[in-house]
Amino acid sequence: MKDTKDSWQDSWFDTCAALLTDPQNLRVWSVIVSLFGDLAQRPGDRLSGGALSRIIMPAGIKPEAIRVALHRLRKDGWIDSARQGRASAHFLTDYGRAQSAEVSPRIYTRAAAAPEAWHLLIAEDGAGQTALDDLLLAEEYFSIARNVALGAGPVPEDIDDDLLVFDASARTVPAWVRLRACPPELSEAAHGLLRDLSQADALLPRTPEAISPLQIATLRMLIVHRWRRVVLRQPDLPAAFFPADWPGPACRAAVFDLLDRLPRPALAELEAE
């Protein structure tokens, strides 16, 4: 029978894991991507199947689902596996590391600063619309309307000649633009994350020694995964483009407050438990 101390430890951790688990259609392959991007992004970083299971299962994910997700990620070229003794070790491929590194600055930037210079692109149907659609897919542009996009910084030198281009500064931002920048599902995700981070913060033990490396890895994985769903969908725009109750900055601060209290464990610590 567990003593009172062990029961308390299980209680706070189980409650935090339940709070921080993404309530919206949890995709196991995406959780694994978040985990590797946070803990094992460097060349040579590896995690055994056992360590992966011990980190991921507290989120209510079963071993069979982890195996299926790993198979998908191997098939898609994100992850590779190799025998390590009698077990398998998993690691990001060059492609997987490149994809993780591309989004890491947005995920881990503590104070996002919107650029001071902007440009506006307007397209007509036909070649111009095709050029604009290509930019929206490949570059960091904010789609204001089907044929209008806002881009940060000066106008690129190689901009397509079929596009009408303006240097821009926003004097007014109507409600319909703020709604496009922050649709209801994004606002709901950010408000929910902020609420759950606050509750988890109150539950975390105040002494770092009371939190094991595996518990830290699980909680970091869940925090980063939830935060990715907000920050990667949030356009990098000035505050005027968001509703008055947009919790993005408060959410960012709460994420890093918790991550600072849960410093990355060494991979060897995760294998030893």
Protein backbone atom coordinates (compact mmCIF):
# COMPACT_ATOMS: atom_id res chain seq x y z
CA MET A 1 0.00 0.00 0.00
CA LYS A 2 1.30 3.47 -0.90
CA ASP A 3 2.12 5.82 1.93
CA THR A 4 0.59 9.28 2.18
CA LYS A 5 3.59 10.97 0.56
CA ASP A 6 3.51 8.68 -2.50
CA SER A 7 -0.25 9.17 -2.83
CA TRP A 8 0.17 12.95 -2.76
CA GLN A 9 2.90 12.78 -5.40
CA ASP A 10 0.68 10.69 -7.69
CA SER A 11 -2.26 13.00 -7.05
CA TRP A 12 -0.63 16.30 -8.04
CA PHE A 13 1.09 14.80 -11.07
CA ASP A 14 -1.96 12.93 -12.35
CA THR A 15 -4.07 16.07 -11.93
CA CYS A 16 -1.50 18.25 -13.74
CA ALA A 17 -1.17 15.74 -16.58
CA ALA A 18 -4.96 15.61 -16.96
CA LEU A 19 -5.20 19.42 -16.92
CA LEU A 20 -2.48 19.94 -19.51
CA THR A 21 -3.48 17.18 -21.92
CA ASP A 22 -4.86 18.74 -25.10
CA PRO A 23 -8.67 18.48 -24.95
CA GLN A 24 -9.03 18.91 -28.71
CA ASN A 25 -8.57 15.70 -30.72
CA LEU A 26 -5.22 14.57 -29.29
CA ARG A 27 -3.09 13.25 -32.18
CA VAL A 28 -0.41 10.92 -30.85
CA TRP A 29 2.00 11.48 -33.75
CA SER A 30 1.83 15.23 -33.11
CA VAL A 31 2.48 14.72 -29.39
CA ILE A 32 5.60 12.71 -30.26
CA VAL A 33 6.77 15.49 -32.58
CA SER A 34 6.34 17.96 -29.69
CA LEU A 35 8.27 15.66 -27.36
CA PHE A 36 11.25 15.20 -29.69
CA GLY A 37 11.27 18.86 -30.64
CA ASP A 38 11.53 19.83 -26.98
CA LEU A 39 13.77 17.12 -25.54
CA ALA A 40 15.67 15.39 -28.34
CA GLN A 41 16.17 17.73 -31.29
CA ARG A 42 19.97 17.64 -31.47
CA PRO A 43 21.87 15.22 -33.73
CA GLY A 44 22.60 12.07 -31.79
CA ASP A 45 19.70 12.49 -29.36
CA ARG A 46 17.82 9.22 -28.91
CA LEU A 47 14.96 7.93 -26.77
CA SER A 48 14.21 4.28 -26.18
CA GLY A 49 10.73 2.90 -26.71
CA GLY A 50 10.46 2.34 -22.96
CA ALA A 51 11.33 5.94 -22.12
CA LEU A 52 8.88 7.21 -24.74
CA SER A 53 6.09 5.12 -23.26
CA ARG A 54 6.85 6.23 -19.70
CA ILE A 55 6.75 9.89 -20.79
CA ILE A 56 3.65 9.69 -22.99
CA MET A 57 1.35 7.24 -21.21
CA PRO A 58 0.44 9.61 -18.31
CA ALA A 59 -1.46 11.63 -20.96
CA GLY A 60 -3.86 8.68 -21.26
CA ILE A 61 -2.24 7.39 -24.46
CA LYS A 62 -1.96 3.61 -24.77
CA PRO A 63 1.18 1.74 -25.93
CA GLU A 64 -0.59 0.52 -29.08
CA ALA A 65 -1.34 4.11 -30.09
CA ILE A 66 2.30 5.06 -29.54
CA ARG A 67 3.47 2.21 -31.78
CA VAL A 68 1.04 3.21 -34.54
CA ALA A 69 2.15 6.84 -34.31
CA LEU A 70 5.84 5.89 -34.47
CA HIS A 71 5.13 3.76 -37.54
CA ARG A 72 3.43 6.74 -39.22
CA LEU A 73 6.31 9.10 -38.34
CA ARG A 74 8.86 6.62 -39.73
CA LYS A 75 6.82 6.29 -42.92
CA ASP A 76 6.61 10.08 -43.25
CA GLY A 77 10.35 10.47 -42.76
CA TRP A 78 10.20 12.30 -39.42
CA ILE A 79 11.67 9.62 -37.18
CA ASP A 80 13.97 6.65 -37.59
CA SER A 81 14.68 3.75 -35.25
CA ALA A 82 17.64 1.52 -34.53
CA ARG A 83 18.33 -1.41 -32.25
CA GLN A 84 19.95 -0.45 -28.97
CA GLY A 85 20.73 -3.67 -27.12
CA ARG A 86 17.50 -5.62 -26.87
CA ALA A 87 15.33 -2.52 -27.33
CA SER A 88 14.76 0.08 -30.03
CA ALA A 89 15.95 3.68 -29.90
CA HIS A 90 14.09 6.38 -31.77
CA PHE A 91 15.48 9.66 -33.12
CA LEU A 92 14.61 12.52 -35.46
CA THR A 93 15.82 12.19 -39.04
CA ASP A 94 17.61 15.09 -40.72
CA TYR A 95 14.23 16.05 -42.18
CA GLY A 96 12.55 15.82 -38.77
CA ARG A 97 15.22 17.97 -37.12
CA ALA A 98 14.95 20.55 -39.91
CA GLN A 99 11.16 20.75 -39.53
CA SER A 100 11.44 21.07 -35.74
CA ALA A 101 14.18 23.70 -35.98
CA GLU A 102 12.07 25.75 -38.41
CA VAL A 103 9.24 26.27 -35.91
CA SER A 104 11.33 26.34 -32.71
CA PRO A 105 11.93 30.12 -32.80
CA ARG A 106 8.18 30.77 -32.79
CA ILE A 107 7.57 28.26 -30.01
CA TYR A 108 10.41 29.30 -27.72
CA THR A 109 10.57 33.07 -28.25
CA ARG A 110 9.79 34.63 -24.88
CA ALA A 111 8.80 38.07 -26.13
CA ALA A 112 7.37 38.16 -29.63
CA ALA A 113 7.95 41.52 -31.30
CA ALA A 114 5.90 42.44 -34.35
CA PRO A 115 7.94 44.09 -37.15
CA GLU A 116 7.61 47.84 -37.61
CA ALA A 117 7.50 47.73 -41.44
CA TRP A 118 4.71 46.04 -43.41
CA HIS A 119 3.65 45.63 -47.02
CA LEU A 120 0.30 44.80 -48.60
CA LEU A 121 -0.20 42.54 -51.61
CA ILE A 122 -3.35 42.59 -53.77
CA ALA A 123 -4.02 40.07 -56.50
CA GLU A 124 -6.42 39.86 -59.42
CA ASP A 125 -7.84 36.52 -60.53
CA GLY A 126 -5.46 34.50 -62.67
CA ALA A 127 -1.68 34.67 -62.45
CA GLY A 128 -1.72 37.21 -59.63
CA GLN A 129 -3.97 35.05 -57.46
CA THR A 130 -1.76 32.02 -58.10
CA ALA A 131 1.33 33.99 -57.10
CA LEU A 132 -0.37 35.21 -53.92
CA ASP A 133 -1.59 31.71 -53.03
CA ASP A 134 1.97 30.41 -53.41
CA LEU A 135 3.29 33.11 -51.06
CA LEU A 136 0.61 32.33 -48.47
CA LEU A 137 1.71 28.69 -48.49
CA ALA A 138 5.45 29.31 -48.41
CA GLU A 139 5.92 32.57 -46.51
CA GLU A 140 4.69 34.28 -43.33
CA TYR A 141 1.83 36.27 -44.82
CA PHE A 142 -1.47 37.08 -43.13
CA SER A 143 -4.48 36.58 -45.40
CA ILE A 144 -6.84 39.53 -44.97
CA ALA A 145 -9.13 38.45 -47.81
CA ARG A 146 -8.96 35.91 -50.62
CA ASN A 147 -6.91 38.26 -52.79
CA VAL A 148 -5.24 40.46 -50.13
CA ALA A 149 -2.32 39.58 -47.85
CA LEU A 150 -0.23 41.48 -45.31
CA GLY A 151 3.50 40.75 -45.03
CA ALA A 152 6.07 41.76 -42.45
CA GLY A 153 9.11 43.83 -43.33
CA PRO A 154 10.01 45.59 -46.59
CA VAL A 155 8.70 44.41 -49.95
CA PRO A 156 10.78 41.44 -51.22
CA GLU A 157 12.84 42.24 -54.30
CA ASP A 158 11.59 39.18 -56.18
CA ILE A 159 7.87 39.90 -55.71
CA ASP A 160 5.73 38.80 -58.65
CA ASP A 161 4.92 41.53 -61.20
CA ASP A 162 1.25 40.46 -61.27
CA LEU A 163 0.75 41.63 -57.68
CA LEU A 164 -0.20 45.17 -56.66
CA VAL A 165 2.13 46.13 -53.79
CA PHE A 166 1.94 48.88 -51.13
CA ASP A 167 4.04 49.81 -48.14
CA ALA A 168 1.50 49.67 -45.32
CA SER A 169 0.72 51.01 -41.87
CA ALA A 170 -2.57 50.27 -40.14
CA ARG A 171 -4.53 53.33 -39.04
CA THR A 172 -7.66 51.38 -38.13
CA VAL A 173 -8.27 47.66 -37.68
CA PRO A 174 -11.96 46.75 -37.96
CA ALA A 175 -13.55 43.94 -35.98
CA TRP A 176 -13.75 41.61 -39.00
CA VAL A 177 -9.94 41.74 -39.40
CA ARG A 178 -9.41 41.04 -35.69
CA LEU A 179 -11.77 38.09 -36.01
CA ARG A 180 -9.74 36.77 -38.95
CA ALA A 181 -6.51 37.14 -36.94
CA CYS A 182 -8.05 35.48 -33.91
CA PRO A 183 -10.95 33.17 -34.86
CA PRO A 184 -13.12 31.77 -32.04
CA GLU A 185 -11.37 28.37 -31.96
CA LEU A 186 -7.95 30.01 -31.51
CA SER A 187 -9.25 32.31 -28.78
CA GLU A 188 -10.88 29.35 -27.03
CA ALA A 189 -7.65 27.32 -27.21
CA ALA A 190 -5.60 30.21 -25.77
CA HIS A 191 -8.06 30.96 -22.96
CA GLY A 192 -8.25 27.25 -22.10
CA LEU A 193 -4.49 26.88 -22.03
CA LEU A 194 -4.07 29.95 -19.82
CA ARG A 195 -6.63 28.59 -17.37
CA ASP A 196 -5.04 25.14 -17.26
CA LEU A 197 -1.51 26.53 -16.89
CA SER A 198 -2.64 28.60 -13.91
CA GLN A 199 -4.20 25.57 -12.22
CA ALA A 200 -1.14 23.41 -12.93
CA ASP A 201 1.16 26.11 -11.57
CA ALA A 202 -0.74 26.05 -8.27
CA LEU A 203 -0.36 22.26 -8.04
CA LEU A 204 3.35 21.95 -8.85
CA PRO A 205 5.56 21.20 -5.83
CA ARG A 206 7.63 24.21 -4.80
CA THR A 207 10.76 22.09 -4.32
CA PRO A 208 12.30 20.90 -7.62
CA GLU A 209 13.51 17.68 -5.99
CA ALA A 210 9.88 16.58 -5.57
CA ILE A 211 9.44 16.32 -9.36
CA SER A 212 11.12 13.38 -11.12
CA PRO A 213 12.84 13.72 -14.53
CA LEU A 214 10.08 11.60 -16.13
CA GLN A 215 7.37 13.78 -14.63
CA ILE A 216 9.17 16.88 -15.89
CA ALA A 217 9.44 15.37 -19.38
CA THR A 218 5.72 14.53 -19.45
CA LEU A 219 4.61 17.95 -18.25
CA ARG A 220 6.96 19.79 -20.63
CA MET A 221 5.68 17.68 -23.52
CA LEU A 222 2.07 18.54 -22.70
CA ILE A 223 2.76 22.26 -22.19
CA VAL A 224 4.76 22.60 -25.41
CA HIS A 225 2.18 20.61 -27.37
CA ARG A 226 -0.69 22.82 -26.20
CA TRP A 227 1.34 25.97 -26.76
CA ARG A 228 2.27 24.88 -30.30
CA ARG A 229 -1.45 24.66 -31.15
CA VAL A 230 -1.82 28.31 -30.16
CA VAL A 231 1.40 30.01 -31.22
CA LEU A 232 1.77 28.32 -34.63
CA ARG A 233 -1.77 29.39 -35.55
CA GLN A 234 -1.34 32.92 -34.21
CA PRO A 235 -0.15 35.39 -36.86
CA ASP A 236 2.74 37.65 -35.84
CA LEU A 237 0.80 40.90 -35.89
CA PRO A 238 0.67 44.02 -33.69
CA ALA A 239 -1.65 43.98 -30.68
CA ALA A 240 -4.18 46.18 -32.55
CA PHE A 241 -5.01 43.21 -34.81
CA PHE A 242 -6.31 41.11 -31.90
CA PRO A 243 -9.46 41.40 -29.79
CA ALA A 244 -9.19 43.30 -26.52
CA ASP A 245 -9.48 40.07 -24.53
CA TRP A 246 -6.82 38.18 -26.53
CA PRO A 247 -4.76 36.27 -23.91
CA GLY A 248 -1.77 35.54 -26.16
CA PRO A 249 0.86 37.57 -24.22
CA ALA A 250 -0.39 36.28 -20.84
CA CYS A 251 -0.42 32.75 -22.23
CA ARG A 252 3.16 33.08 -23.47
CA ALA A 253 4.32 34.36 -20.08
CA ALA A 254 2.56 31.51 -18.25
CA VAL A 255 4.10 28.91 -20.59
CA PHE A 256 7.63 30.11 -19.90
CA ASP A 257 7.03 30.50 -16.17
CA LEU A 258 6.16 26.80 -16.03
CA LEU A 259 8.90 25.67 -18.41
CA ASP A 260 11.44 27.54 -16.26
CA ARG A 261 10.21 25.58 -13.24
CA LEU A 262 10.54 22.37 -15.26
CA PRO A 263 14.04 22.53 -16.80
CA ARG A 264 14.79 19.95 -19.50
CA PRO A 265 16.04 16.69 -18.00
CA ALA A 266 19.03 14.88 -19.47
CA LEU A 267 18.06 12.03 -21.75
CA ALA A 268 20.15 9.65 -19.63
CA GLU A 269 17.94 10.49 -16.63
CA LEU A 270 14.85 9.45 -18.60
CA GLU A 271 16.41 6.12 -19.55
CA ALA A 272 17.46 5.40 -15.97
CA GLU A 273 14.01 5.60 -14.42
